[in-house]
């Protein structure tokens, strides 16, 4: 994550298995770079400040070796299922019962297409193998006027 340029680079993902947590390649092993809006950059800067404070409090016990954007107070991984449950809980409080991170991902893709964002751009942002995959999944998205 480069907060000066506003570019987020996604290289790996965290997977929860029966054997525990593991870092794996992204689907299709493609690296994705996303431009972040200024509001997100500011939010991430505030989060980084909190992490710097946690690092001072935890000292050598802080997991700075992981260099995570979102983590437990001590710098360690947050389990994916914990993040998913929190997202569903927040969505429900917002009046969106039954909405998951996956649902939000699809909504994001549909919204981008309905706003006239080109199909190849949406496909790249979502990390699809090719434009055909995106076109098939989002054929229902209304065209931009």
C-alpha atoms as a PDB file:
ATOM      1  CA  UNK A   1       0.000   0.000   0.000  1.00  0.00           C
ATOM      2  CA  UNK A   2       1.488   3.324  -1.068  1.00  0.00           C
ATOM      3  CA  UNK A   3      -0.442   6.111   0.588  1.00  0.00           C
ATOM      4  CA  UNK A   4       1.552   8.789  -1.256  1.00  0.00           C
ATOM      5  CA  UNK A   5       0.467   7.554  -4.691  1.00  0.00           C
ATOM      6  CA  UNK A   6      -2.885   6.153  -3.517  1.00  0.00           C
ATOM      7  CA  UNK A   7      -2.180   2.740  -5.025  1.00  0.00           C
ATOM      8  CA  UNK A   8      -3.024  -0.512  -3.274  1.00  0.00           C
ATOM      9  CA  UNK A   9      -1.171  -3.574  -4.577  1.00  0.00           C
ATOM     10  CA  UNK A  10      -2.692  -7.000  -3.914  1.00  0.00           C
ATOM     11  CA  UNK A  11      -0.195  -9.841  -4.201  1.00  0.00           C
ATOM     12  CA  UNK A  12      -1.427 -12.512  -1.801  1.00  0.00           C
ATOM     13  CA  UNK A  13      -4.451 -13.546   0.211  1.00  0.00           C
ATOM     14  CA  UNK A  14      -5.021 -15.161   3.580  1.00  0.00           C
ATOM     15  CA  UNK A  15      -6.826 -18.483   3.708  1.00  0.00           C
ATOM     16  CA  UNK A  16      -8.263 -20.296   6.705  1.00  0.00           C
ATOM     17  CA  UNK A  17      -7.916 -24.078   6.457  1.00  0.00           C
ATOM     18  CA  UNK A  18      -8.456 -26.960   8.878  1.00  0.00           C
ATOM     19  CA  UNK A  19      -4.705 -26.841   9.512  1.00  0.00           C
ATOM     20  CA  UNK A  20      -4.793 -23.114  10.307  1.00  0.00           C
ATOM     21  CA  UNK A  21      -4.069 -19.882   8.474  1.00  0.00           C
ATOM     22  CA  UNK A  22      -1.891 -19.724   5.392  1.00  0.00           C
ATOM     23  CA  UNK A  23      -0.831 -17.078   2.932  1.00  0.00           C
ATOM     24  CA  UNK A  24      -1.492 -18.029  -0.666  1.00  0.00           C
ATOM     25  CA  UNK A  25      -1.198 -16.583  -4.138  1.00  0.00           C
ATOM     26  CA  UNK A  26      -4.164 -14.633  -5.437  1.00  0.00           C
ATOM     27  CA  UNK A  27      -6.583 -16.401  -7.741  1.00  0.00           C
ATOM     28  CA  UNK A  28      -4.892 -16.705 -11.107  1.00  0.00           C
ATOM     29  CA  UNK A  29      -1.632 -15.549  -9.477  1.00  0.00           C
ATOM     30  CA  UNK A  30      -2.235 -12.062 -10.838  1.00  0.00           C
ATOM     31  CA  UNK A  31      -1.051  -8.976  -9.000  1.00  0.00           C
ATOM     32  CA  UNK A  32      -3.717  -6.269  -8.842  1.00  0.00           C
ATOM     33  CA  UNK A  33      -3.141  -2.565  -8.422  1.00  0.00           C
ATOM     34  CA  UNK A  34      -6.063  -0.396  -7.387  1.00  0.00           C
ATOM     35  CA  UNK A  35      -6.334   3.377  -7.209  1.00  0.00           C
ATOM     36  CA  UNK A  36      -7.792   4.436  -3.882  1.00  0.00           C
ATOM     37  CA  UNK A  37     -10.044   7.463  -3.403  1.00  0.00           C
ATOM     38  CA  UNK A  38      -8.727  10.260  -1.180  1.00  0.00           C
ATOM     39  CA  UNK A  39     -11.266   9.447   1.563  1.00  0.00           C
ATOM     40  CA  UNK A  40      -9.898   5.888   1.788  1.00  0.00           C
ATOM     41  CA  UNK A  41      -6.306   7.128   1.809  1.00  0.00           C
ATOM     42  CA  UNK A  42      -7.091   9.420   4.750  1.00  0.00           C
ATOM     43  CA  UNK A  43      -8.812   6.593   6.624  1.00  0.00           C
ATOM     44  CA  UNK A  44      -5.797   4.329   6.016  1.00  0.00           C
ATOM     45  CA  UNK A  45      -3.416   7.053   7.227  1.00  0.00           C
ATOM     46  CA  UNK A  46      -5.344   7.282  10.504  1.00  0.00           C
ATOM     47  CA  UNK A  47      -5.249   3.493  10.792  1.00  0.00           C
ATOM     48  CA  UNK A  48      -1.471   3.517  10.223  1.00  0.00           C
ATOM     49  CA  UNK A  49      -1.070   6.096  13.024  1.00  0.00           C
ATOM     50  CA  UNK A  50      -2.944   3.771  15.395  1.00  0.00           C
ATOM     51  CA  UNK A  51      -0.706   0.884  14.338  1.00  0.00           C
ATOM     52  CA  UNK A  52       2.423   2.947  15.031  1.00  0.00           C
ATOM     53  CA  UNK A  53       1.056   3.626  18.529  1.00  0.00           C
ATOM     54  CA  UNK A  54       0.329  -0.099  19.020  1.00  0.00           C
ATOM     55  CA  UNK A  55       3.881  -0.885  17.912  1.00  0.00           C
ATOM     56  CA  UNK A  56       5.216   1.438  20.611  1.00  0.00           C
ATOM     57  CA  UNK A  57       2.965  -0.190  23.229  1.00  0.00           C
ATOM     58  CA  UNK A  58       3.726  -3.802  22.254  1.00  0.00           C
ATOM     59  CA  UNK A  59       7.413  -3.229  21.568  1.00  0.00           C
ATOM     60  CA  UNK A  60       9.236  -6.352  20.402  1.00  0.00           C
ATOM     61  CA  UNK A  61       6.053  -8.432  20.725  1.00  0.00           C
ATOM     62  CA  UNK A  62       4.382  -6.520  17.869  1.00  0.00           C
ATOM     63  CA  UNK A  63       4.280  -8.563  14.612  1.00  0.00           C
ATOM     64  CA  UNK A  64       5.777  -5.835  12.416  1.00  0.00           C
ATOM     65  CA  UNK A  65       7.333  -8.584  10.264  1.00  0.00           C
ATOM     66  CA  UNK A  66       3.877  -9.250   8.779  1.00  0.00           C
ATOM     67  CA  UNK A  67       3.383  -5.593   7.738  1.00  0.00           C
ATOM     68  CA  UNK A  68      -0.402  -5.992   7.617  1.00  0.00           C
ATOM     69  CA  UNK A  69      -2.880  -3.257   6.752  1.00  0.00           C
ATOM     70  CA  UNK A  70      -5.642  -4.783   8.897  1.00  0.00           C
ATOM     71  CA  UNK A  71      -4.526  -6.746  11.927  1.00  0.00           C
ATOM     72  CA  UNK A  72      -5.080  -7.523  15.576  1.00  0.00           C
ATOM     73  CA  UNK A  73      -3.736  -4.927  18.050  1.00  0.00           C
ATOM     74  CA  UNK A  74      -0.460  -6.876  18.293  1.00  0.00           C
ATOM     75  CA  UNK A  75       0.041  -6.901  14.503  1.00  0.00           C
ATOM     76  CA  UNK A  76      -1.041 -10.514  13.946  1.00  0.00           C
ATOM     77  CA  UNK A  77      -3.511 -11.875  11.388  1.00  0.00           C
ATOM     78  CA  UNK A  78      -7.261 -11.488  11.794  1.00  0.00           C
ATOM     79  CA  UNK A  79      -9.010 -14.711  10.809  1.00  0.00           C
ATOM     80  CA  UNK A  80     -10.960 -14.337   7.545  1.00  0.00           C
ATOM     81  CA  UNK A  81     -14.092 -15.760   9.153  1.00  0.00           C
ATOM     82  CA  UNK A  82     -13.896 -13.048  11.848  1.00  0.00           C
ATOM     83  CA  UNK A  83     -13.774 -10.345   9.176  1.00  0.00           C
ATOM     84  CA  UNK A  84     -16.682 -11.953   7.287  1.00  0.00           C
ATOM     85  CA  UNK A  85     -18.831 -12.140  10.436  1.00  0.00           C
ATOM     86  CA  UNK A  86     -18.077  -8.504  11.282  1.00  0.00           C
ATOM     87  CA  UNK A  87     -18.998  -7.389   7.755  1.00  0.00           C
ATOM     88  CA  UNK A  88     -22.322  -9.271   7.912  1.00  0.00           C
ATOM     89  CA  UNK A  89     -23.047  -7.757  11.336  1.00  0.00           C
ATOM     90  CA  UNK A  90     -22.314  -4.211  10.089  1.00  0.00           C
ATOM     91  CA  UNK A  91     -24.423  -4.765   6.959  1.00  0.00           C
ATOM     92  CA  UNK A  92     -27.332  -6.037   9.067  1.00  0.00           C
ATOM     93  CA  UNK A  93     -27.140  -2.988  11.361  1.00  0.00           C
ATOM     94  CA  UNK A  94     -27.296  -0.862   8.212  1.00  0.00           C
ATOM     95  CA  UNK A  95     -30.514  -2.591   7.141  1.00  0.00           C
ATOM     96  CA  UNK A  96     -28.862  -4.995   4.706  1.00  0.00           C
ATOM     97  CA  UNK A  97     -29.598  -8.368   6.278  1.00  0.00           C
ATOM     98  CA  UNK A  98     -28.058 -11.320   4.450  1.00  0.00           C
ATOM     99  CA  UNK A  99     -25.339  -9.225   2.776  1.00  0.00           C
ATOM    100  CA  UNK A 100     -21.816 -10.659   2.847  1.00  0.00           C
ATOM    101  CA  UNK A 101     -18.419  -9.495   1.596  1.00  0.00           C
ATOM    102  CA  UNK A 102     -19.035 -11.571  -1.521  1.00  0.00           C
ATOM    103  CA  UNK A 103     -22.361  -9.801  -2.065  1.00  0.00           C
ATOM    104  CA  UNK A 104     -20.630  -6.437  -1.655  1.00  0.00           C
ATOM    105  CA  UNK A 105     -17.993  -7.464  -4.202  1.00  0.00           C
ATOM    106  CA  UNK A 106     -20.712  -8.265  -6.748  1.00  0.00           C
ATOM    107  CA  UNK A 107     -22.564  -5.049  -5.960  1.00  0.00           C
ATOM    108  CA  UNK A 108     -19.345  -3.112  -6.525  1.00  0.00           C
ATOM    109  CA  UNK A 109     -18.817  -4.742  -9.928  1.00  0.00           C
ATOM    110  CA  UNK A 110     -22.415  -4.073 -10.956  1.00  0.00           C
ATOM    111  CA  UNK A 111     -22.256  -0.456  -9.803  1.00  0.00           C
ATOM    112  CA  UNK A 112     -19.027   0.200 -11.695  1.00  0.00           C
ATOM    113  CA  UNK A 113     -20.521  -1.168 -14.903  1.00  0.00           C
ATOM    114  CA  UNK A 114     -23.772   0.765 -14.453  1.00  0.00           C
ATOM    115  CA  UNK A 115     -21.710   3.947 -14.020  1.00  0.00           C
ATOM    116  CA  UNK A 116     -20.071   3.331 -17.374  1.00  0.00           C
ATOM    117  CA  UNK A 117     -16.697   2.044 -16.195  1.00  0.00           C
ATOM    118  CA  UNK A 118     -15.278   0.016 -19.100  1.00  0.00           C
ATOM    119  CA  UNK A 119     -15.613  -3.769 -18.848  1.00  0.00           C
ATOM    120  CA  UNK A 120     -11.817  -4.386 -19.025  1.00  0.00           C
ATOM    121  CA  UNK A 121     -11.264  -1.960 -16.124  1.00  0.00           C
ATOM    122  CA  UNK A 122     -13.901  -3.669 -13.961  1.00  0.00           C
ATOM    123  CA  UNK A 123     -12.524  -7.088 -14.886  1.00  0.00           C
ATOM    124  CA  UNK A 124      -9.015  -6.057 -13.851  1.00  0.00           C
ATOM    125  CA  UNK A 125     -10.233  -4.468 -10.606  1.00  0.00           C
ATOM    126  CA  UNK A 126     -12.121  -7.626  -9.632  1.00  0.00           C
ATOM    127  CA  UNK A 127      -9.163  -9.835 -10.566  1.00  0.00           C
ATOM    128  CA  UNK A 128     -11.023 -11.926 -13.117  1.00  0.00           C
ATOM    129  CA  UNK A 129      -9.012 -14.174 -15.431  1.00  0.00           C
ATOM    130  CA  UNK A 130     -10.372 -12.338 -18.470  1.00  0.00           C
ATOM    131  CA  UNK A 131     -13.054  -9.919 -19.642  1.00  0.00           C
ATOM    132  CA  UNK A 132     -15.304 -12.799 -20.752  1.00  0.00           C
ATOM    133  CA  UNK A 133     -15.660 -13.981 -17.128  1.00  0.00           C
ATOM    134  CA  UNK A 134     -16.716 -10.486 -16.052  1.00  0.00           C
ATOM    135  CA  UNK A 135     -19.139 -10.111 -18.960  1.00  0.00           C
ATOM    136  CA  UNK A 136     -20.766 -13.451 -18.141  1.00  0.00           C
ATOM    137  CA  UNK A 137     -21.155 -12.747 -14.412  1.00  0.00           C
ATOM    138  CA  UNK A 138     -22.316  -9.149 -14.815  1.00  0.00           C
ATOM    139  CA  UNK A 139     -24.449  -9.410 -17.963  1.00  0.00           C
ATOM    140  CA  UNK A 140     -27.396  -8.274 -15.801  1.00  0.00           C
ATOM    141  CA  UNK A 141     -25.768  -4.927 -14.930  1.00  0.00           C
ATOM    142  CA  UNK A 142     -27.756  -2.096 -16.492  1.00  0.00           C
ATOM    143  CA  UNK A 143     -25.849  -0.081 -19.107  1.00  0.00           C
ATOM    144  CA  UNK A 144     -24.788   3.468 -18.405  1.00  0.00           C
ATOM    145  CA  UNK A 145     -27.001   6.185 -19.965  1.00  0.00           C
END
